[in-house]
Amino acid sequence: MAVPGTERKGSCFWCLKAVKWIPVLFIITIVAWSYYAYVIQLCLITVENTIAQIFYFIFFHLFFFMFCWSYAQTIFTDIGRVPNNFRLAEADFEAYLHHNDSLELQNRILENCSKNLPVTNVTIGGTVRFCDKCKMIKPDRTHHCSVCGECVLKMDHHCPWINNCVCFTNYKFFVLFLGYALLYCIYICLTSLPYFIAFWKGDLQGMGSFHILFLFFVAIMFGVSLMSLFGYHCYLVLENRTTLEAFRPPSFRGVGADKYGFHLGRFKNFKEVFGEDAKTWFLPVSTSLGDGIQYPIHSRLLQGPTYYSMDNTQNSLGDGISFPQRNMDEDQEGLLHEHPFDEEELRYP
């Protein structure tokens, strides 16, 4: 069955689509070779102790299975879709295009269309976040991916190694994939180290010794890379940020940029991604909280004046921020410390 919208695509489109799978095929090839090198050349041929063979065999397959499961989930989980109620009606979009010479009028149209939507994030300039390619108002933490060609819920980044976006629907799988891949590499390094040493001493001969040699080096190389990447995403999970938000903090209505806007406390941040049930935290099954559209924010972002539209700027300096709110903005530095929030102050918008 053809995918809707692809029937009229030319050969260049399908060639480019095939090329995008090359990094994934490269990873699969490396993993398949590592399976052969470890199970056949190391466990069955090189290791002579039967108990050691069984030990190596069982734990290797445990890490191998969890790695493959989480990797497959990361690749094949759909990125999700922005609901149609965020899409502008054709008449509103025509009016938006008609006033392309007036940002003020365009923003009035977007404000009117978004007044019943659960949107708290705005642009740096304080206007409604809108994607003219998808013709829709962006939900909080949503960004347009130029590779996928659509708006992606809670987009973290587009990863060529999975040929997919890392986003709300598969972020848990991605973090688990990194974690199990790191454990896979560490396990291979530790169990193949004695045979790697034996090779350099000249006690290990035959073609299998070269497989073990390269297996050790490849595991070291990938392990070092994965360690930094996995550590960084663990940090992002505990801070409740995406990679994009780490580079540019989200802006909130009437408040401005606040990198702690979605910070719920470290344990709550963890459960936002991994869910409430501890039994499923480390299994690549969908347990993330929420719907990818609306997210809990700290109560202080809901206090005071909300976002002011451009036709309601009295009692302000003309930038849509009232005087009391400006005073709070100027005192933000005192609020943004390492543990800025008390958990009892948290609530959903």
C-alpha atoms as a PDB file:
ATOM      1  CA  MET A   1       0.000   0.000   0.000  1.00  0.00           C
ATOM      2  CA  ALA A   2       1.444   3.364  -1.030  1.00  0.00           C
ATOM      3  CA  VAL A   3       2.012   6.009   1.581  1.00  0.00           C
ATOM      4  CA  PRO A   4      -0.387   8.948   0.999  1.00  0.00           C
ATOM      5  CA  GLY A   5       1.306  11.829  -0.740  1.00  0.00           C
ATOM      6  CA  THR A   6       4.180   9.784  -2.203  1.00  0.00           C
ATOM      7  CA  GLU A   7       2.531   8.551  -5.402  1.00  0.00           C
ATOM      8  CA  ARG A   8       3.774  11.527  -7.448  1.00  0.00           C
ATOM      9  CA  LYS A   9       7.302  11.615  -6.064  1.00  0.00           C
ATOM     10  CA  GLY A  10      10.077  11.209  -8.615  1.00  0.00           C
ATOM     11  CA  SER A  11      13.092   8.927  -8.652  1.00  0.00           C
ATOM     12  CA  CYS A  12      15.276  11.554  -6.917  1.00  0.00           C
ATOM     13  CA  PHE A  13      12.947  11.517  -3.915  1.00  0.00           C
ATOM     14  CA  TRP A  14      13.182   7.733  -3.564  1.00  0.00           C
ATOM     15  CA  CYS A  15      16.968   7.774  -4.058  1.00  0.00           C
ATOM     16  CA  LEU A  16      17.344  10.376  -1.310  1.00  0.00           C
ATOM     17  CA  LYS A  17      15.011   8.378   0.909  1.00  0.00           C
ATOM     18  CA  ALA A  18      17.168   5.267   0.378  1.00  0.00           C
ATOM     19  CA  VAL A  19      20.403   7.169   1.054  1.00  0.00           C
ATOM     20  CA  LYS A  20      19.050   8.238   4.465  1.00  0.00           C
ATOM     21  CA  TRP A  21      19.050   4.579   5.526  1.00  0.00           C
ATOM     22  CA  ILE A  22      22.810   4.187   4.959  1.00  0.00           C
ATOM     23  CA  PRO A  23      23.791   5.225   8.535  1.00  0.00           C
ATOM     24  CA  VAL A  24      21.221   2.779   9.939  1.00  0.00           C
ATOM     25  CA  LEU A  25      22.520  -0.034   7.716  1.00  0.00           C
ATOM     26  CA  PHE A  26      26.054   0.802   8.838  1.00  0.00           C
ATOM     27  CA  ILE A  27      25.063   0.399  12.508  1.00  0.00           C
ATOM     28  CA  ILE A  28      23.214  -2.856  11.758  1.00  0.00           C
ATOM     29  CA  THR A  29      26.259  -4.198   9.897  1.00  0.00           C
ATOM     30  CA  ILE A  30      28.591  -3.367  12.798  1.00  0.00           C
ATOM     31  CA  VAL A  31      26.213  -4.973  15.301  1.00  0.00           C
ATOM     32  CA  ALA A  32      25.779  -8.113  13.156  1.00  0.00           C
ATOM     33  CA  TRP A  33      29.558  -8.484  12.823  1.00  0.00           C
ATOM     34  CA  SER A  34      30.007  -7.949  16.581  1.00  0.00           C
ATOM     35  CA  TYR A  35      27.522 -10.766  17.197  1.00  0.00           C
ATOM     36  CA  TYR A  36      29.544 -13.108  14.964  1.00  0.00           C
ATOM     37  CA  ALA A  37      32.885 -12.048  16.468  1.00  0.00           C
ATOM     38  CA  TYR A  38      31.708 -12.420  20.060  1.00  0.00           C
ATOM     39  CA  VAL A  39      29.446 -15.496  19.913  1.00  0.00           C
ATOM     40  CA  ILE A  40      31.295 -17.558  17.309  1.00  0.00           C
ATOM     41  CA  GLN A  41      34.923 -16.448  17.456  1.00  0.00           C
ATOM     42  CA  LEU A  42      35.161 -15.653  21.166  1.00  0.00           C
ATOM     43  CA  CYS A  43      32.583 -17.759  23.022  1.00  0.00           C
ATOM     44  CA  LEU A  44      32.501 -20.922  20.916  1.00  0.00           C
ATOM     45  CA  ILE A  45      36.058 -21.074  19.526  1.00  0.00           C
ATOM     46  CA  THR A  46      38.396 -19.132  21.809  1.00  0.00           C
ATOM     47  CA  VAL A  47      36.948 -19.570  25.310  1.00  0.00           C
ATOM     48  CA  GLU A  48      37.748 -23.061  26.566  1.00  0.00           C
ATOM     49  CA  ASN A  49      36.062 -23.033  29.971  1.00  0.00           C
ATOM     50  CA  THR A  50      32.450 -24.244  29.631  1.00  0.00           C
ATOM     51  CA  ILE A  51      31.162 -22.239  32.611  1.00  0.00           C
ATOM     52  CA  ALA A  52      32.751 -19.061  31.208  1.00  0.00           C
ATOM     53  CA  GLN A  53      31.190 -19.810  27.816  1.00  0.00           C
ATOM     54  CA  ILE A  54      27.710 -20.083  29.357  1.00  0.00           C
ATOM     55  CA  PHE A  55      28.213 -16.935  31.438  1.00  0.00           C
ATOM     56  CA  TYR A  56      29.453 -14.922  28.455  1.00  0.00           C
ATOM     57  CA  PHE A  57      26.724 -16.290  26.180  1.00  0.00           C
ATOM     58  CA  ILE A  58      23.773 -15.545  28.492  1.00  0.00           C
ATOM     59  CA  PHE A  59      24.692 -12.002  29.518  1.00  0.00           C
ATOM     60  CA  PHE A  60      25.781 -11.055  26.014  1.00  0.00           C
ATOM     61  CA  HIS A  61      22.378 -12.016  24.632  1.00  0.00           C
ATOM     62  CA  LEU A  62      20.617 -10.102  27.393  1.00  0.00           C
ATOM     63  CA  PHE A  63      22.396  -6.855  26.488  1.00  0.00           C
ATOM     64  CA  PHE A  64      22.145  -7.631  22.769  1.00  0.00           C
ATOM     65  CA  PHE A  65      18.372  -8.179  22.966  1.00  0.00           C
ATOM     66  CA  MET A  66      17.672  -5.006  24.955  1.00  0.00           C
ATOM     67  CA  PHE A  67      19.910  -2.974  22.646  1.00  0.00           C
ATOM     68  CA  CYS A  68      18.182  -4.280  19.494  1.00  0.00           C
ATOM     69  CA  TRP A  69      14.707  -3.843  20.984  1.00  0.00           C
ATOM     70  CA  SER A  70      15.267  -0.237  22.025  1.00  0.00           C
ATOM     71  CA  TYR A  71      17.022   0.585  18.731  1.00  0.00           C
ATOM     72  CA  ALA A  72      14.129  -0.818  16.691  1.00  0.00           C
ATOM     73  CA  GLN A  73      11.618   1.116  18.794  1.00  0.00           C
ATOM     74  CA  THR A  74      13.584   4.327  18.292  1.00  0.00           C
ATOM     75  CA  ILE A  75      13.689   3.843  14.523  1.00  0.00           C
ATOM     76  CA  PHE A  76      10.167   2.666  13.807  1.00  0.00           C
ATOM     77  CA  THR A  77       8.099   4.636  16.323  1.00  0.00           C
ATOM     78  CA  ASP A  78       6.078   7.258  14.479  1.00  0.00           C
ATOM     79  CA  ILE A  79       6.914  10.851  15.402  1.00  0.00           C
ATOM     80  CA  GLY A  80       3.260  11.661  15.980  1.00  0.00           C
ATOM     81  CA  ARG A  81       1.138  14.350  14.395  1.00  0.00           C
ATOM     82  CA  VAL A  82      -0.007  17.781  15.492  1.00  0.00           C
ATOM     83  CA  PRO A  83      -3.837  17.722  15.884  1.00  0.00           C
ATOM     84  CA  ASN A  84      -5.866  19.356  13.141  1.00  0.00           C
ATOM     85  CA  ASN A  85      -7.322  21.982  15.498  1.00  0.00           C
ATOM     86  CA  PHE A  86      -3.886  23.659  15.441  1.00  0.00           C
ATOM     87  CA  ARG A  87      -4.086  24.020  11.657  1.00  0.00           C
ATOM     88  CA  LEU A  88      -5.314  27.346  10.292  1.00  0.00           C
ATOM     89  CA  ALA A  89      -8.505  27.324   8.275  1.00  0.00           C
ATOM     90  CA  GLU A  90      -7.954  28.116   4.624  1.00  0.00           C
ATOM     91  CA  ALA A  91      -9.610  31.525   4.972  1.00  0.00           C
ATOM     92  CA  ASP A  92      -7.438  32.443   7.959  1.00  0.00           C
ATOM     93  CA  PHE A  93      -4.293  31.316   6.156  1.00  0.00           C
ATOM     94  CA  GLU A  94      -5.223  33.370   3.092  1.00  0.00           C
ATOM     95  CA  ALA A  95      -5.741  36.398   5.331  1.00  0.00           C
ATOM     96  CA  TYR A  96      -2.383  35.694   7.000  1.00  0.00           C
ATOM     97  CA  LEU A  97      -0.618  35.631   3.628  1.00  0.00           C
ATOM     98  CA  HIS A  98      -2.499  38.731   2.462  1.00  0.00           C
ATOM     99  CA  HIS A  99      -1.029  40.746   5.353  1.00  0.00           C
ATOM    100  CA  ASN A 100       2.544  39.584   4.863  1.00  0.00           C
ATOM    101  CA  ASP A 101       3.677  43.196   4.970  1.00  0.00           C
ATOM    102  CA  SER A 102       2.306  43.728   8.495  1.00  0.00           C
ATOM    103  CA  LEU A 103       3.592  41.550  11.332  1.00  0.00           C
ATOM    104  CA  GLU A 104       1.104  43.188  13.686  1.00  0.00           C
ATOM    105  CA  LEU A 105      -1.914  42.166  11.611  1.00  0.00           C
ATOM    106  CA  GLN A 106      -0.527  38.680  11.051  1.00  0.00           C
ATOM    107  CA  ASN A 107      -0.053  38.214  14.775  1.00  0.00           C
ATOM    108  CA  ARG A 108      -3.616  39.394  15.453  1.00  0.00           C
ATOM    109  CA  ILE A 109      -4.871  36.681  13.118  1.00  0.00           C
ATOM    110  CA  LEU A 110      -2.736  34.060  14.834  1.00  0.00           C
ATOM    111  CA  GLU A 111      -3.804  35.268  18.286  1.00  0.00           C
ATOM    112  CA  ASN A 112      -7.441  34.985  17.346  1.00  0.00           C
ATOM    113  CA  CYS A 113      -6.906  31.456  16.001  1.00  0.00           C
ATOM    114  CA  SER A 114      -4.926  30.342  19.044  1.00  0.00           C
ATOM    115  CA  LYS A 115      -7.093  31.818  21.809  1.00  0.00           C
ATOM    116  CA  ASN A 116      -8.718  28.447  22.563  1.00  0.00           C
ATOM    117  CA  LEU A 117      -5.554  26.372  22.169  1.00  0.00           C
ATOM    118  CA  PRO A 118      -3.367  25.224  25.115  1.00  0.00           C
ATOM    119  CA  VAL A 119      -0.341  27.237  23.988  1.00  0.00           C
ATOM    120  CA  THR A 120       2.016  28.905  26.478  1.00  0.00           C
ATOM    121  CA  ASN A 121       5.191  29.158  24.370  1.00  0.00           C
ATOM    122  CA  VAL A 122       5.762  32.179  22.152  1.00  0.00           C
ATOM    123  CA  THR A 123       8.548  33.434  19.931  1.00  0.00           C
ATOM    124  CA  ILE A 124      11.426  35.516  21.293  1.00  0.00           C
ATOM    125  CA  GLY A 125       9.481  38.594  20.188  1.00  0.00           C
ATOM    126  CA  GLY A 126       6.402  37.456  22.126  1.00  0.00           C
ATOM    127  CA  THR A 127       4.282  36.500  19.126  1.00  0.00           C
ATOM    128  CA  VAL A 128       2.409  33.266  18.434  1.00  0.00           C
ATOM    129  CA  ARG A 129       4.633  30.462  17.130  1.00  0.00           C
ATOM    130  CA  PHE A 130       3.445  29.561  13.628  1.00  0.00           C
ATOM    131  CA  CYS A 131       4.739  27.215  10.924  1.00  0.00           C
ATOM    132  CA  ASP A 132       3.972  28.554   7.474  1.00  0.00           C
ATOM    133  CA  LYS A 133       5.088  25.284   5.867  1.00  0.00           C
ATOM    134  CA  CYS A 134       2.563  23.155   7.782  1.00  0.00           C
ATOM    135  CA  LYS A 135       0.063  26.049   8.049  1.00  0.00           C
ATOM    136  CA  MET A 136      -0.415  25.458  11.761  1.00  0.00           C
ATOM    137  CA  ILE A 137       0.161  27.054  15.127  1.00  0.00           C
ATOM    138  CA  LYS A 138       2.917  25.185  16.908  1.00  0.00           C
ATOM    139  CA  PRO A 139       2.037  23.469  20.190  1.00  0.00           C
ATOM    140  CA  ASP A 140       4.452  23.991  23.068  1.00  0.00           C
ATOM    141  CA  ARG A 141       7.926  22.477  22.461  1.00  0.00           C
ATOM    142  CA  THR A 142       7.023  21.630  18.845  1.00  0.00           C
ATOM    143  CA  HIS A 143       9.413  22.496  16.015  1.00  0.00           C
ATOM    144  CA  HIS A 144       9.460  21.966  12.278  1.00  0.00           C
ATOM    145  CA  CYS A 145      11.936  19.350  11.064  1.00  0.00           C
ATOM    146  CA  SER A 146      13.266  20.133   7.598  1.00  0.00           C
ATOM    147  CA  VAL A 147      14.328  16.501   7.091  1.00  0.00           C
ATOM    148  CA  CYS A 148      10.970  14.970   8.055  1.00  0.00           C
ATOM    149  CA  GLY A 149       9.146  17.849   6.375  1.00  0.00           C
ATOM    150  CA  GLU A 150       6.640  18.402   9.190  1.00  0.00           C
ATOM    151  CA  CYS A 151       6.194  19.773  12.693  1.00  0.00           C
ATOM    152  CA  VAL A 152       7.396  17.347  15.370  1.00  0.00           C
ATOM    153  CA  LEU A 153       6.039  17.134  18.922  1.00  0.00           C
ATOM    154  CA  LYS A 154       8.652  17.971  21.585  1.00  0.00           C
ATOM    155  CA  MET A 155      11.387  17.755  18.992  1.00  0.00           C
ATOM    156  CA  ASP A 156      14.855  17.052  20.390  1.00  0.00           C
ATOM    157  CA  HIS A 157      16.820  16.660  17.155  1.00  0.00           C
ATOM    158  CA  HIS A 158      16.819  14.699  13.920  1.00  0.00           C
ATOM    159  CA  CYS A 159      19.212  11.759  14.205  1.00  0.00           C
ATOM    160  CA  PRO A 160      20.670  10.246  10.998  1.00  0.00           C
ATOM    161  CA  TRP A 161      21.718   7.094  12.920  1.00  0.00           C
ATOM    162  CA  ILE A 162      18.057   6.190  13.383  1.00  0.00           C
ATOM    163  CA  ASN A 163      16.734   7.978  10.274  1.00  0.00           C
ATOM    164  CA  ASN A 164      14.071   9.506  12.453  1.00  0.00           C
ATOM    165  CA  CYS A 165      13.379  12.469  14.685  1.00  0.00           C
ATOM    166  CA  VAL A 166      14.025  12.101  18.395  1.00  0.00           C
ATOM    167  CA  CYS A 167      10.867  13.549  19.894  1.00  0.00           C
ATOM    168  CA  PHE A 168       8.027  13.034  22.367  1.00  0.00           C
ATOM    169  CA  THR A 169       6.968   9.629  21.058  1.00  0.00           C
ATOM    170  CA  ASN A 170      10.388   7.928  21.025  1.00  0.00           C
ATOM    171  CA  TYR A 171      12.587   9.952  23.397  1.00  0.00           C
ATOM    172  CA  LYS A 172      12.412   7.285  26.098  1.00  0.00           C
ATOM    173  CA  PHE A 173      13.422   4.653  23.518  1.00  0.00           C
ATOM    174  CA  PHE A 174      16.316   6.824  22.354  1.00  0.00           C
ATOM    175  CA  VAL A 175      17.709   7.261  25.871  1.00  0.00           C
ATOM    176  CA  LEU A 176      17.356   3.512  26.527  1.00  0.00           C
ATOM    177  CA  PHE A 177      19.022   2.776  23.182  1.00  0.00           C
ATOM    178  CA  LEU A 178      22.013   4.894  24.204  1.00  0.00           C
ATOM    179  CA  GLY A 179      22.120   3.272  27.636  1.00  0.00           C
ATOM    180  CA  TYR A 180      21.911  -0.321  26.416  1.00  0.00           C
ATOM    181  CA  ALA A 181      24.373   0.365  23.602  1.00  0.00           C
ATOM    182  CA  LEU A 182      26.827   1.679  26.201  1.00  0.00           C
ATOM    183  CA  LEU A 183      26.308  -1.381  28.417  1.00  0.00           C
ATOM    184  CA  TYR A 184      26.749  -3.598  25.348  1.00  0.00           C
ATOM    185  CA  CYS A 185      30.104  -1.965  24.563  1.00  0.00           C
ATOM    186  CA  ILE A 186      31.282  -2.044  28.181  1.00  0.00           C
ATOM    187  CA  TYR A 187      30.392  -5.733  28.517  1.00  0.00           C
ATOM    188  CA  ILE A 188      32.260  -6.630  25.325  1.00  0.00           C
ATOM    189  CA  CYS A 189      35.322  -4.637  26.452  1.00  0.00           C
ATOM    190  CA  LEU A 190      35.484  -6.249  29.885  1.00  0.00           C
ATOM    191  CA  THR A 191      34.949  -9.837  28.743  1.00  0.00           C
ATOM    192  CA  SER A 192      37.258  -9.640  25.710  1.00  0.00           C
ATOM    193  CA  LEU A 193      40.052  -7.792  27.553  1.00  0.00           C
ATOM    194  CA  PRO A 194      41.876 -10.967  28.783  1.00  0.00           C
ATOM    195  CA  TYR A 195      41.930 -12.368  25.244  1.00  0.00           C
ATOM    196  CA  PHE A 196      43.027  -9.001  23.837  1.00  0.00           C
ATOM    197  CA  ILE A 197      45.987  -9.088  26.270  1.00  0.00           C
ATOM    198  CA  ALA A 198      46.716 -12.698  25.323  1.00  0.00           C
ATOM    199  CA  PHE A 199      46.853 -11.659  21.653  1.00  0.00           C
ATOM    200  CA  TRP A 200      49.511  -9.007  22.365  1.00  0.00           C
ATOM    201  CA  LYS A 201      51.510 -11.517  24.365  1.00  0.00           C
ATOM    202  CA  GLY A 202      51.437 -13.899  21.422  1.00  0.00           C
ATOM    203  CA  ASP A 203      49.380 -16.529  23.262  1.00  0.00           C
ATOM    204  CA  LEU A 204      46.383 -16.210  20.949  1.00  0.00           C
ATOM    205  CA  GLN A 205      46.721 -17.378  17.347  1.00  0.00           C
ATOM    206  CA  GLY A 206      44.519 -17.843  14.281  1.00  0.00           C
ATOM    207  CA  MET A 207      42.053 -15.675  12.348  1.00  0.00           C
ATOM    208  CA  GLY A 208      39.725 -15.508  15.334  1.00  0.00           C
ATOM    209  CA  SER A 209      42.300 -13.449  17.192  1.00  0.00           C
ATOM    210  CA  PHE A 210      41.933 -10.610  14.667  1.00  0.00           C
ATOM    211  CA  HIS A 211      38.148 -10.579  15.135  1.00  0.00           C
ATOM    212  CA  ILE A 212      38.653 -10.308  18.902  1.00  0.00           C
ATOM    213  CA  LEU A 213      41.260  -7.566  18.431  1.00  0.00           C
ATOM    214  CA  PHE A 214      38.986  -5.421  16.269  1.00  0.00           C
ATOM    215  CA  LEU A 215      35.965  -6.221  18.443  1.00  0.00           C
ATOM    216  CA  PHE A 216      37.757  -4.774  21.455  1.00  0.00           C
ATOM    217  CA  PHE A 217      38.847  -1.615  19.615  1.00  0.00           C
ATOM    218  CA  VAL A 218      35.408  -1.012  18.067  1.00  0.00           C
ATOM    219  CA  ALA A 219      33.705  -1.471  21.453  1.00  0.00           C
ATOM    220  CA  ILE A 220      36.136   1.019  23.032  1.00  0.00           C
ATOM    221  CA  MET A 221      35.595   3.548  20.243  1.00  0.00           C
ATOM    222  CA  PHE A 222      31.788   3.396  20.316  1.00  0.00           C
ATOM    223  CA  GLY A 223      31.740   3.186  24.124  1.00  0.00           C
ATOM    224  CA  VAL A 224      33.625   6.462  24.563  1.00  0.00           C
ATOM    225  CA  SER A 225      31.279   8.249  22.132  1.00  0.00           C
ATOM    226  CA  LEU A 226      28.178   6.791  23.747  1.00  0.00           C
ATOM    227  CA  MET A 227      29.326   7.670  27.253  1.00  0.00           C
ATOM    228  CA  SER A 228      29.310  11.414  26.591  1.00  0.00           C
ATOM    229  CA  LEU A 229      26.077  11.327  24.564  1.00  0.00           C
ATOM    230  CA  PHE A 230      24.224   9.176  27.086  1.00  0.00           C
ATOM    231  CA  GLY A 231      25.434  11.336  29.977  1.00  0.00           C
ATOM    232  CA  TYR A 232      24.249  14.491  28.206  1.00  0.00           C
ATOM    233  CA  HIS A 233      20.758  13.098  27.585  1.00  0.00           C
ATOM    234  CA  CYS A 234      20.508  11.883  31.180  1.00  0.00           C
ATOM    235  CA  TYR A 235      21.184  15.481  32.173  1.00  0.00           C
ATOM    236  CA  LEU A 236      18.478  16.717  29.778  1.00  0.00           C
ATOM    237  CA  VAL A 237      15.961  14.230  31.186  1.00  0.00           C
ATOM    238  CA  LEU A 238      16.626  15.383  34.756  1.00  0.00           C
ATOM    239  CA  GLU A 239      16.339  19.040  33.693  1.00  0.00           C
ATOM    240  CA  ASN A 240      13.241  18.396  31.523  1.00  0.00           C
ATOM    241  CA  ARG A 241      14.782  20.003  28.460  1.00  0.00           C
ATOM    242  CA  THR A 242      15.329  19.016  24.870  1.00  0.00           C
ATOM    243  CA  THR A 243      18.550  19.561  22.946  1.00  0.00           C
ATOM    244  CA  LEU A 244      16.910  22.499  21.151  1.00  0.00           C
ATOM    245  CA  GLU A 245      15.782  24.023  24.462  1.00  0.00           C
ATOM    246  CA  ALA A 246      19.294  23.631  25.876  1.00  0.00           C
ATOM    247  CA  PHE A 247      20.580  25.874  23.074  1.00  0.00           C
ATOM    248  CA  ARG A 248      17.624  28.283  23.149  1.00  0.00           C
ATOM    249  CA  PRO A 249      15.375  28.376  26.244  1.00  0.00           C
ATOM    250  CA  PRO A 250      11.631  28.407  25.534  1.00  0.00           C
ATOM    251  CA  SER A 251       9.796  31.712  25.849  1.00  0.00           C
ATOM    252  CA  PHE A 252       6.545  31.919  27.814  1.00  0.00           C
ATOM    253  CA  ARG A 253       3.648  34.339  27.538  1.00  0.00           C
ATOM    254  CA  GLY A 254       4.210  37.403  29.675  1.00  0.00           C
ATOM    255  CA  VAL A 255       7.454  36.032  31.129  1.00  0.00           C
ATOM    256  CA  GLY A 256       9.978  35.654  28.351  1.00  0.00           C
ATOM    257  CA  ALA A 257      12.749  33.070  28.010  1.00  0.00           C
ATOM    258  CA  ASP A 258      13.025  30.698  30.958  1.00  0.00           C
ATOM    259  CA  LYS A 259      15.149  27.564  30.751  1.00  0.00           C
ATOM    260  CA  TYR A 260      13.479  26.217  33.914  1.00  0.00           C
ATOM    261  CA  GLY A 261       9.944  26.705  32.605  1.00  0.00           C
ATOM    262  CA  PHE A 262       9.245  22.950  32.348  1.00  0.00           C
ATOM    263  CA  HIS A 263      11.366  21.993  35.378  1.00  0.00           C
ATOM    264  CA  LEU A 264       9.197  19.964  37.783  1.00  0.00           C
ATOM    265  CA  GLY A 265      11.855  18.666  40.146  1.00  0.00           C
ATOM    266  CA  ARG A 266      14.336  16.029  39.046  1.00  0.00           C
ATOM    267  CA  PHE A 267      12.284  12.946  39.952  1.00  0.00           C
ATOM    268  CA  LYS A 268       9.137  14.348  38.344  1.00  0.00           C
ATOM    269  CA  ASN A 269      11.193  15.265  35.277  1.00  0.00           C
ATOM    270  CA  PHE A 270      12.393  11.664  35.083  1.00  0.00           C
ATOM    271  CA  LYS A 271       8.822  10.353  35.312  1.00  0.00           C
ATOM    272  CA  GLU A 272       7.709  12.700  32.535  1.00  0.00           C
ATOM    273  CA  VAL A 273       9.837  10.606  30.157  1.00  0.00           C
ATOM    274  CA  PHE A 274       9.868   7.159  31.796  1.00  0.00           C
ATOM    275  CA  GLY A 275       6.398   7.054  33.354  1.00  0.00           C
ATOM    276  CA  GLU A 276       4.967   6.310  36.783  1.00  0.00           C
ATOM    277  CA  ASP A 277       5.472   2.524  36.864  1.00  0.00           C
ATOM    278  CA  ALA A 278       9.005   1.610  37.961  1.00  0.00           C
ATOM    279  CA  LYS A 279       8.620  -1.886  36.440  1.00  0.00           C
ATOM    280  CA  THR A 280       8.567  -0.397  32.928  1.00  0.00           C
ATOM    281  CA  TRP A 281      11.172   2.337  33.327  1.00  0.00           C
ATOM    282  CA  PHE A 282      13.928   0.363  31.628  1.00  0.00           C
ATOM    283  CA  LEU A 283      11.795  -1.439  29.069  1.00  0.00           C
ATOM    284  CA  PRO A 284      11.389   0.156  25.614  1.00  0.00           C
ATOM    285  CA  VAL A 285       7.598   0.406  25.836  1.00  0.00           C
ATOM    286  CA  SER A 286       5.577   3.617  25.697  1.00  0.00           C
ATOM    287  CA  THR A 287       5.095   5.000  29.221  1.00  0.00           C
ATOM    288  CA  SER A 288       5.870   8.720  28.846  1.00  0.00           C
ATOM    289  CA  LEU A 289       3.353  11.010  30.533  1.00  0.00           C
ATOM    290  CA  GLY A 290       1.139  13.408  28.613  1.00  0.00           C
ATOM    291  CA  ASP A 291       0.001  13.680  25.017  1.00  0.00           C
ATOM    292  CA  GLY A 292       2.904  15.618  23.502  1.00  0.00           C
ATOM    293  CA  ILE A 293       0.693  18.717  23.128  1.00  0.00           C
ATOM    294  CA  GLN A 294       0.382  20.160  26.632  1.00  0.00           C
ATOM    295  CA  TYR A 295       3.020  20.063  29.371  1.00  0.00           C
ATOM    296  CA  PRO A 296       3.024  20.929  33.075  1.00  0.00           C
ATOM    297  CA  ILE A 297       4.801  24.171  33.863  1.00  0.00           C
ATOM    298  CA  HIS A 298       5.822  25.838  37.105  1.00  0.00           C
ATOM    299  CA  SER A 299       3.111  27.841  38.847  1.00  0.00           C
ATOM    300  CA  ARG A 300       5.163  31.042  38.906  1.00  0.00           C
ATOM    301  CA  LEU A 301       4.818  31.169  35.110  1.00  0.00           C
ATOM    302  CA  LEU A 302       1.039  31.270  35.598  1.00  0.00           C
ATOM    303  CA  GLN A 303       1.086  34.063  38.163  1.00  0.00           C
ATOM    304  CA  GLY A 304       0.712  37.701  37.295  1.00  0.00           C
ATOM    305  CA  PRO A 305      -0.393  39.028  33.899  1.00  0.00           C
ATOM    306  CA  THR A 306      -0.630  36.665  31.000  1.00  0.00           C
ATOM    307  CA  TYR A 307       0.508  37.345  27.463  1.00  0.00           C
ATOM    308  CA  TYR A 308      -0.767  40.667  26.151  1.00  0.00           C
ATOM    309  CA  SER A 309      -1.877  40.944  22.559  1.00  0.00           C
ATOM    310  CA  MET A 310      -0.721  43.903  20.498  1.00  0.00           C
ATOM    311  CA  ASP A 311      -4.024  45.762  20.905  1.00  0.00           C
ATOM    312  CA  ASN A 312      -3.835  45.588  24.724  1.00  0.00           C
ATOM    313  CA  THR A 313      -0.583  47.185  25.828  1.00  0.00           C
ATOM    314  CA  GLN A 314      -1.847  49.886  28.144  1.00  0.00           C
ATOM    315  CA  ASN A 315      -0.014  49.987  31.506  1.00  0.00           C
ATOM    316  CA  SER A 316       3.055  48.638  29.750  1.00  0.00           C
ATOM    317  CA  LEU A 317       6.134  49.903  27.978  1.00  0.00           C
ATOM    318  CA  GLY A 318       4.673  49.009  24.609  1.00  0.00           C
ATOM    319  CA  ASP A 319       6.245  45.543  24.365  1.00  0.00           C
ATOM    320  CA  GLY A 320       3.315  43.514  25.688  1.00  0.00           C
ATOM    321  CA  ILE A 321       4.817  43.141  29.193  1.00  0.00           C
ATOM    322  CA  SER A 322       3.186  44.971  32.086  1.00  0.00           C
ATOM    323  CA  PHE A 323       5.177  46.885  34.685  1.00  0.00           C
ATOM    324  CA  PRO A 324       4.867  44.300  37.486  1.00  0.00           C
ATOM    325  CA  GLN A 325       5.928  41.567  35.102  1.00  0.00           C
ATOM    326  CA  ARG A 326       8.954  43.573  33.968  1.00  0.00           C
ATOM    327  CA  ASN A 327      10.071  43.849  37.581  1.00  0.00           C
ATOM    328  CA  MET A 328       9.890  40.075  37.934  1.00  0.00           C
ATOM    329  CA  ASP A 329      11.876  39.618  34.713  1.00  0.00           C
ATOM    330  CA  GLU A 330      14.621  41.878  36.030  1.00  0.00           C
ATOM    331  CA  ASP A 331      14.830  39.720  39.163  1.00  0.00           C
ATOM    332  CA  GLN A 332      14.971  36.429  37.263  1.00  0.00           C
ATOM    333  CA  GLU A 333      18.625  35.844  38.051  1.00  0.00           C
ATOM    334  CA  GLY A 334      17.743  35.231  41.671  1.00  0.00           C
ATOM    335  CA  LEU A 335      15.244  32.551  40.661  1.00  0.00           C
ATOM    336  CA  LEU A 336      17.330  30.579  38.198  1.00  0.00           C
ATOM    337  CA  HIS A 337      19.626  28.706  40.522  1.00  0.00           C
ATOM    338  CA  GLU A 338      20.417  24.980  40.498  1.00  0.00           C
ATOM    339  CA  HIS A 339      17.253  23.883  42.367  1.00  0.00           C
ATOM    340  CA  PRO A 340      14.876  26.748  41.607  1.00  0.00           C
ATOM    341  CA  PHE A 341      11.508  25.201  42.473  1.00  0.00           C
ATOM    342  CA  ASP A 342       9.623  23.578  45.325  1.00  0.00           C
ATOM    343  CA  GLU A 343       7.619  20.595  44.155  1.00  0.00           C
ATOM    344  CA  GLU A 344       4.443  21.649  46.002  1.00  0.00           C
ATOM    345  CA  GLU A 345       4.246  24.716  43.721  1.00  0.00           C
ATOM    346  CA  LEU A 346       3.895  22.615  40.575  1.00  0.00           C
ATOM    347  CA  ARG A 347       0.666  22.334  38.668  1.00  0.00           C
ATOM    348  CA  TYR A 348      -0.586  21.868  35.143  1.00  0.00           C
ATOM    349  CA  PRO A 349      -1.717  24.858  33.132  1.00  0.00           C
END
